[in-house]
């Protein structure tokens, strides 16, 4: 696979574990990951394109018969501006650390304050090292389990909401139509749509398809996926299927079954055959394997 193909699949979060290892061998791997993370913090200034175009066109249209002796000095000025702007951008881009996982992959991270994070499959976490002492903040896409060292406020920013703590243990999952936070120790504040909710140990905050789902209190020590097992309680089959695809790097065709059916189950990450039976037997489903895909159908 070419370098360009690897980068394209990396940006699309579709690398296989083998392809991800090949991607990490690229000479500019560190630069690519830093640049990708930095773009989350950088916002280009707004430019009125039409006004800028008119400003350039007016002097040209005034007299096109005159010699273009002004053109070379203008090029020199433009070159100086480009170099200066580039230097400004380089100096203002944060020193961002980005960690990503691909399908069937997990990784452990230690943050600058010794807080520990375990990142689940197909997830990414980034933070600015330079401002860490003043602002303990990470950006998360996917799922991660946090053990936060005591100190100043610690924030996890996701596309669906912000989770804020001082020092505690909790899990954050942000996937497509699901946003879930579970508190294992201490207390956690979840800010969703500007509505703060405080969680105590054993409490879960769950938004599914834009609706908040009530959950019973559960006294758990850690998320099951840390032990290579995914667990689901009263969630649609579609959520189970999507997690199975992340853990086993397969595609599941469930077009012949009702994936909105609410389901409680768990499956292992270490044995695909056993995992498939854990899902299909309780629902009386059959499955058929075809290369890197699995077809589900009614018994």
Protein backbone atom coordinates (compact mmCIF):
# COMPACT_ATOMS: atom_id res chain seq x y z
CA UNK A 1 0.00 0.00 0.00
CA UNK A 2 1.35 3.45 -0.92
CA UNK A 3 2.09 6.22 1.57
CA UNK A 4 -0.83 8.28 0.25
CA UNK A 5 -3.26 5.36 0.65
CA UNK A 6 -2.11 4.77 4.23
CA UNK A 7 -2.59 8.45 5.12
CA UNK A 8 -6.02 8.53 3.49
CA UNK A 9 -7.19 5.47 5.45
CA UNK A 10 -5.66 6.89 8.65
CA UNK A 11 -7.64 10.12 8.26
CA UNK A 12 -10.75 8.01 7.67
CA UNK A 13 -10.04 5.85 10.79
CA UNK A 14 -10.23 2.69 8.66
CA UNK A 15 -6.72 1.25 9.02
CA UNK A 16 -6.45 -2.41 9.96
CA UNK A 17 -4.00 -3.25 12.79
CA UNK A 18 -1.40 -4.34 10.20
CA UNK A 19 -1.88 -1.17 8.13
CA UNK A 20 -1.66 0.98 11.28
CA UNK A 21 1.72 -0.57 12.09
CA UNK A 22 2.87 0.24 8.54
CA UNK A 23 1.55 3.80 8.94
CA UNK A 24 3.58 4.24 12.14
CA UNK A 25 6.74 3.33 10.19
CA UNK A 26 6.37 6.36 7.89
CA UNK A 27 9.21 8.86 8.28
CA UNK A 28 6.81 11.74 8.96
CA UNK A 29 4.45 9.78 11.26
CA UNK A 30 5.02 12.08 14.27
CA UNK A 31 4.63 15.23 12.18
CA UNK A 32 1.39 13.95 10.64
CA UNK A 33 -0.19 13.08 14.00
CA UNK A 34 0.89 16.37 15.58
CA UNK A 35 -0.42 18.38 12.65
CA UNK A 36 -3.75 16.54 12.72
CA UNK A 37 -4.16 17.17 16.44
CA UNK A 38 -3.11 20.83 16.17
CA UNK A 39 -5.80 21.50 13.57
CA UNK A 40 -8.39 20.87 16.29
CA UNK A 41 -7.08 23.93 18.14
CA UNK A 42 -6.43 26.21 15.17
CA UNK A 43 -9.09 28.26 13.45
CA UNK A 44 -8.16 30.26 10.39
CA UNK A 45 -9.21 33.92 10.30
CA UNK A 46 -12.33 34.82 8.32
CA UNK A 47 -11.54 36.33 4.92
CA UNK A 48 -13.92 38.25 2.66
CA UNK A 49 -12.86 36.63 -0.61
CA UNK A 50 -14.88 38.95 -2.85
CA UNK A 51 -13.55 42.10 -1.18
CA UNK A 52 -9.98 40.85 -1.41
CA UNK A 53 -10.45 40.02 -5.10
CA UNK A 54 -11.89 43.48 -5.85
CA UNK A 55 -9.00 45.15 -4.02
CA UNK A 56 -6.52 43.36 -6.29
CA UNK A 57 -8.51 43.88 -9.50
CA UNK A 58 -9.09 47.65 -9.19
CA UNK A 59 -5.45 48.79 -9.61
CA UNK A 60 -5.03 46.35 -12.52
CA UNK A 61 -8.15 47.56 -14.31
CA UNK A 62 -7.21 51.26 -14.00
CA UNK A 63 -4.50 51.11 -16.63
CA UNK A 64 -3.46 47.87 -18.24
CA UNK A 65 -1.28 49.70 -20.79
CA UNK A 66 1.40 50.70 -18.26
CA UNK A 67 4.48 48.57 -17.87
CA UNK A 68 4.31 45.98 -15.11
CA UNK A 69 7.48 47.15 -13.36
CA UNK A 70 5.62 47.02 -10.07
CA UNK A 71 5.06 43.27 -10.40
CA UNK A 72 8.47 42.03 -9.22
CA UNK A 73 8.55 44.17 -6.05
CA UNK A 74 5.01 43.03 -5.32
CA UNK A 75 6.13 39.40 -5.60
CA UNK A 76 8.93 40.07 -3.12
CA UNK A 77 6.50 41.62 -0.65
CA UNK A 78 4.08 38.70 -1.09
CA UNK A 79 6.91 36.24 -0.47
CA UNK A 80 7.90 38.05 2.73
CA UNK A 81 4.29 38.05 3.90
CA UNK A 82 3.92 34.33 3.19
CA UNK A 83 7.11 33.50 5.09
CA UNK A 84 6.09 35.74 7.98
CA UNK A 85 2.60 34.26 8.15
CA UNK A 86 4.05 30.76 8.05
CA UNK A 87 6.41 31.57 10.91
CA UNK A 88 3.49 33.02 12.88
CA UNK A 89 1.42 29.89 12.35
CA UNK A 90 4.34 27.66 13.37
CA UNK A 91 4.88 29.63 16.57
CA UNK A 92 1.19 29.66 17.51
CA UNK A 93 0.31 25.99 16.81
CA UNK A 94 -0.03 24.24 20.20
CA UNK A 95 2.34 21.45 21.20
CA UNK A 96 -0.39 18.85 20.86
CA UNK A 97 -0.04 15.16 21.65
CA UNK A 98 -2.42 12.88 19.75
CA UNK A 99 -2.95 9.19 20.51
CA UNK A 100 -5.15 7.03 18.26
CA UNK A 101 -6.26 3.42 18.21
CA UNK A 102 -7.49 1.41 15.26
CA UNK A 103 -9.87 -1.55 15.10
CA UNK A 104 -9.14 -4.41 17.53
CA UNK A 105 -6.69 -2.16 19.38
CA UNK A 106 -6.39 -0.65 22.87
CA UNK A 107 -3.64 1.44 24.42
CA UNK A 108 -2.65 2.92 27.80
CA UNK A 109 -1.63 6.57 28.15
CA UNK A 110 0.00 8.49 31.02
CA UNK A 111 -0.78 12.21 31.03
CA UNK A 112 1.70 14.87 32.27
CA UNK A 113 0.12 14.88 35.78
CA UNK A 114 0.38 11.04 35.99
CA UNK A 115 -3.34 10.62 35.28
CA UNK A 116 -3.89 7.30 33.50
CA UNK A 117 -6.09 6.75 30.46
CA UNK A 118 -6.96 3.52 28.66
CA UNK A 119 -8.19 4.12 25.12
CA UNK A 120 -10.61 1.64 23.54
CA UNK A 121 -10.61 0.58 19.87
CA UNK A 122 -11.21 3.18 17.11
CA UNK A 123 -10.72 6.13 19.46
CA UNK A 124 -8.52 9.20 19.68
CA UNK A 125 -7.36 11.47 22.49
CA UNK A 126 -5.41 14.72 22.23
CA UNK A 127 -4.14 17.39 24.63
CA UNK A 128 -1.90 20.46 24.65
CA UNK A 129 1.29 19.77 26.60
CA UNK A 130 2.31 23.43 26.83
CA UNK A 131 -0.83 24.55 28.64
CA UNK A 132 -1.39 21.37 30.67
CA UNK A 133 -0.38 22.82 34.05
CA UNK A 134 -2.87 25.69 33.62
CA UNK A 135 -5.61 23.70 31.92
CA UNK A 136 -6.00 19.94 32.34
CA UNK A 137 -8.14 19.27 29.27
CA UNK A 138 -8.26 16.42 26.75
CA UNK A 139 -10.28 16.00 23.56
CA UNK A 140 -11.85 12.57 23.09
CA UNK A 141 -13.45 10.82 20.17
CA UNK A 142 -14.55 7.26 20.93
CA UNK A 143 -14.21 5.63 24.35
CA UNK A 144 -11.74 5.92 27.22
CA UNK A 145 -11.41 4.97 30.89
CA UNK A 146 -9.83 7.64 33.12
CA UNK A 147 -8.05 7.47 36.45
CA UNK A 148 -7.47 11.15 37.19
CA UNK A 149 -4.79 12.32 39.61
CA UNK A 150 -5.97 14.84 42.21
CA UNK A 151 -5.38 18.46 41.31
CA UNK A 152 -7.02 21.24 39.37
CA UNK A 153 -10.17 20.70 37.33
CA UNK A 154 -9.83 17.98 34.69
CA UNK A 155 -12.06 18.16 31.59
CA UNK A 156 -12.87 15.67 28.85
CA UNK A 157 -14.27 17.43 25.80
CA UNK A 158 -16.38 15.41 23.33
CA UNK A 159 -18.65 16.33 20.43
CA UNK A 160 -21.68 15.62 22.65
CA UNK A 161 -20.73 17.12 25.99
CA UNK A 162 -18.03 18.02 28.51
CA UNK A 163 -17.14 15.87 31.52
CA UNK A 164 -15.49 17.67 34.45
CA UNK A 165 -13.84 16.16 37.55
CA UNK A 166 -11.19 16.89 40.20
CA UNK A 167 -9.78 13.43 40.88
CA UNK A 168 -11.72 10.27 40.20
CA UNK A 169 -12.28 7.21 37.98
CA UNK A 170 -14.82 7.24 35.18
CA UNK A 171 -15.55 6.02 31.65
CA UNK A 172 -16.61 8.20 28.71
CA UNK A 173 -18.09 6.75 25.52
CA UNK A 174 -19.02 8.96 22.57
CA UNK A 175 -20.06 7.01 19.47
CA UNK A 176 -22.36 8.16 16.65
CA UNK A 177 -25.78 8.34 18.37
CA UNK A 178 -24.58 7.38 21.86
CA UNK A 179 -23.01 9.43 24.66
CA UNK A 180 -22.37 7.63 27.95
CA UNK A 181 -20.52 8.55 31.16
CA UNK A 182 -20.16 6.14 34.09
CA UNK A 183 -18.69 7.15 37.45
CA UNK A 184 -16.67 4.53 39.34
CA UNK A 185 -15.13 6.68 42.08
CA UNK A 186 -15.51 10.24 43.39
CA UNK A 187 -17.94 12.47 41.50
CA UNK A 188 -18.29 13.51 37.88
CA UNK A 189 -20.08 16.51 36.36
CA UNK A 190 -21.48 16.05 32.88
CA UNK A 191 -22.46 19.16 30.91
CA UNK A 192 -24.85 18.17 28.13
CA UNK A 193 -26.71 20.88 26.18
CA UNK A 194 -25.72 23.36 28.92
CA UNK A 195 -27.48 21.20 31.54
CA UNK A 196 -25.05 20.02 34.26
CA UNK A 197 -25.61 16.60 35.87
CA UNK A 198 -23.51 15.30 38.79
CA UNK A 199 -22.82 11.56 38.97
CA UNK A 200 -21.84 9.60 42.08
CA UNK A 201 -20.19 6.15 42.11
CA UNK A 202 -22.34 3.58 40.32
CA UNK A 203 -24.35 6.17 38.38
CA UNK A 204 -24.52 6.41 34.59
CA UNK A 205 -25.49 9.26 32.28
CA UNK A 206 -26.69 7.95 28.93
CA UNK A 207 -27.96 9.75 25.83
CA UNK A 208 -29.18 7.49 23.02
CA UNK A 209 -30.42 8.96 19.75
CA UNK A 210 -30.77 12.36 21.43
CA UNK A 211 -32.84 11.06 24.36
CA UNK A 212 -31.69 10.61 27.95
CA UNK A 213 -32.06 7.01 29.15
CA UNK A 214 -32.68 6.21 32.80
CA UNK A 215 -30.34 3.63 34.34
CA UNK A 216 -30.30 1.74 37.61
CA UNK A 217 -27.31 2.17 39.90
CA UNK A 218 -24.59 -0.45 39.36
CA UNK A 219 -21.60 -0.91 41.66
CA UNK A 220 -18.81 -1.80 39.23
CA UNK A 221 -15.06 -1.52 39.71
CA UNK A 222 -14.13 -0.76 36.09
CA UNK A 223 -15.56 -1.02 32.56
CA UNK A 224 -15.73 -4.56 31.21
CA UNK A 225 -13.83 -3.70 28.01
CA UNK A 226 -10.68 -3.21 30.12
CA UNK A 227 -10.88 -6.99 30.67
CA UNK A 228 -11.44 -7.65 26.95
CA UNK A 229 -15.20 -8.01 27.22
CA UNK A 230 -17.96 -5.69 25.99
CA UNK A 231 -21.16 -5.52 28.07
CA UNK A 232 -24.50 -3.95 27.17
CA UNK A 233 -27.57 -3.41 29.31
CA UNK A 234 -30.89 -2.60 27.59
CA UNK A 235 -29.31 -1.16 24.46
CA UNK A 236 -30.29 -1.63 20.79
CA UNK A 237 -28.72 -4.54 18.94
CA UNK A 238 -27.20 -1.99 16.56
CA UNK A 239 -24.89 -0.73 19.36
CA UNK A 240 -23.75 -4.29 20.04
CA UNK A 241 -23.03 -4.89 16.34
CA UNK A 242 -21.03 -1.69 15.96
CA UNK A 243 -18.83 -2.54 18.94
CA UNK A 244 -18.33 -6.08 17.63
CA UNK A 245 -17.09 -4.61 14.33
CA UNK A 246 -14.60 -2.37 16.18
CA UNK A 247 -13.22 -5.24 18.24
CA UNK A 248 -12.94 -7.86 15.49
CA UNK A 249 -12.30 -5.79 12.34
CA UNK A 250 -15.24 -7.30 10.45
CA UNK A 251 -18.36 -5.98 8.72
CA UNK A 252 -21.75 -7.30 9.85
CA UNK A 253 -24.74 -7.36 7.52
CA UNK A 254 -27.84 -7.12 9.72
CA UNK A 255 -30.26 -5.94 7.05
CA UNK A 256 -32.52 -8.96 7.66
CA UNK A 257 -32.95 -8.43 11.40
CA UNK A 258 -34.41 -5.70 13.61
CA UNK A 259 -31.36 -3.88 14.96
CA UNK A 260 -33.50 -1.53 17.08
CA UNK A 261 -34.44 -4.44 19.37
CA UNK A 262 -33.31 -3.68 22.94
CA UNK A 263 -30.77 -6.21 24.08
CA UNK A 264 -28.73 -7.13 27.19
CA UNK A 265 -25.59 -9.18 26.60
CA UNK A 266 -21.81 -9.35 26.72
CA UNK A 267 -19.19 -10.78 24.39
CA UNK A 268 -15.48 -11.55 24.63
CA UNK A 269 -12.81 -9.81 22.55
CA UNK A 270 -10.58 -12.87 22.35
CA UNK A 271 -12.73 -15.52 20.65
CA UNK A 272 -14.88 -14.49 17.67
CA UNK A 273 -16.86 -17.73 17.51
CA UNK A 274 -17.79 -17.56 21.18
CA UNK A 275 -18.60 -13.85 20.85
CA UNK A 276 -20.94 -14.48 17.92
CA UNK A 277 -22.79 -17.16 19.85
CA UNK A 278 -23.17 -14.81 22.84
CA UNK A 279 -25.03 -12.39 20.56
CA UNK A 280 -26.99 -14.69 18.28
CA UNK A 281 -28.21 -17.49 20.59
CA UNK A 282 -30.28 -15.29 22.97
CA UNK A 283 -31.93 -13.59 19.97
CA UNK A 284 -32.40 -16.86 18.05
CA UNK A 285 -30.34 -15.59 15.14
CA UNK A 286 -28.15 -17.46 12.67
CA UNK A 287 -24.90 -16.18 11.19
CA UNK A 288 -22.87 -16.92 8.10
CA UNK A 289 -19.24 -15.94 7.58
CA UNK A 290 -18.00 -14.68 4.23
CA UNK A 291 -14.34 -13.64 4.21
CA UNK A 292 -14.19 -10.48 6.34
CA UNK A 293 -17.96 -10.10 6.75
CA UNK A 294 -20.72 -11.78 8.74
CA UNK A 295 -24.38 -12.05 7.71
CA UNK A 296 -27.04 -12.19 10.43
CA UNK A 297 -30.48 -13.66 9.78
CA UNK A 298 -33.45 -15.00 11.68
CA UNK A 299 -33.40 -18.66 12.77
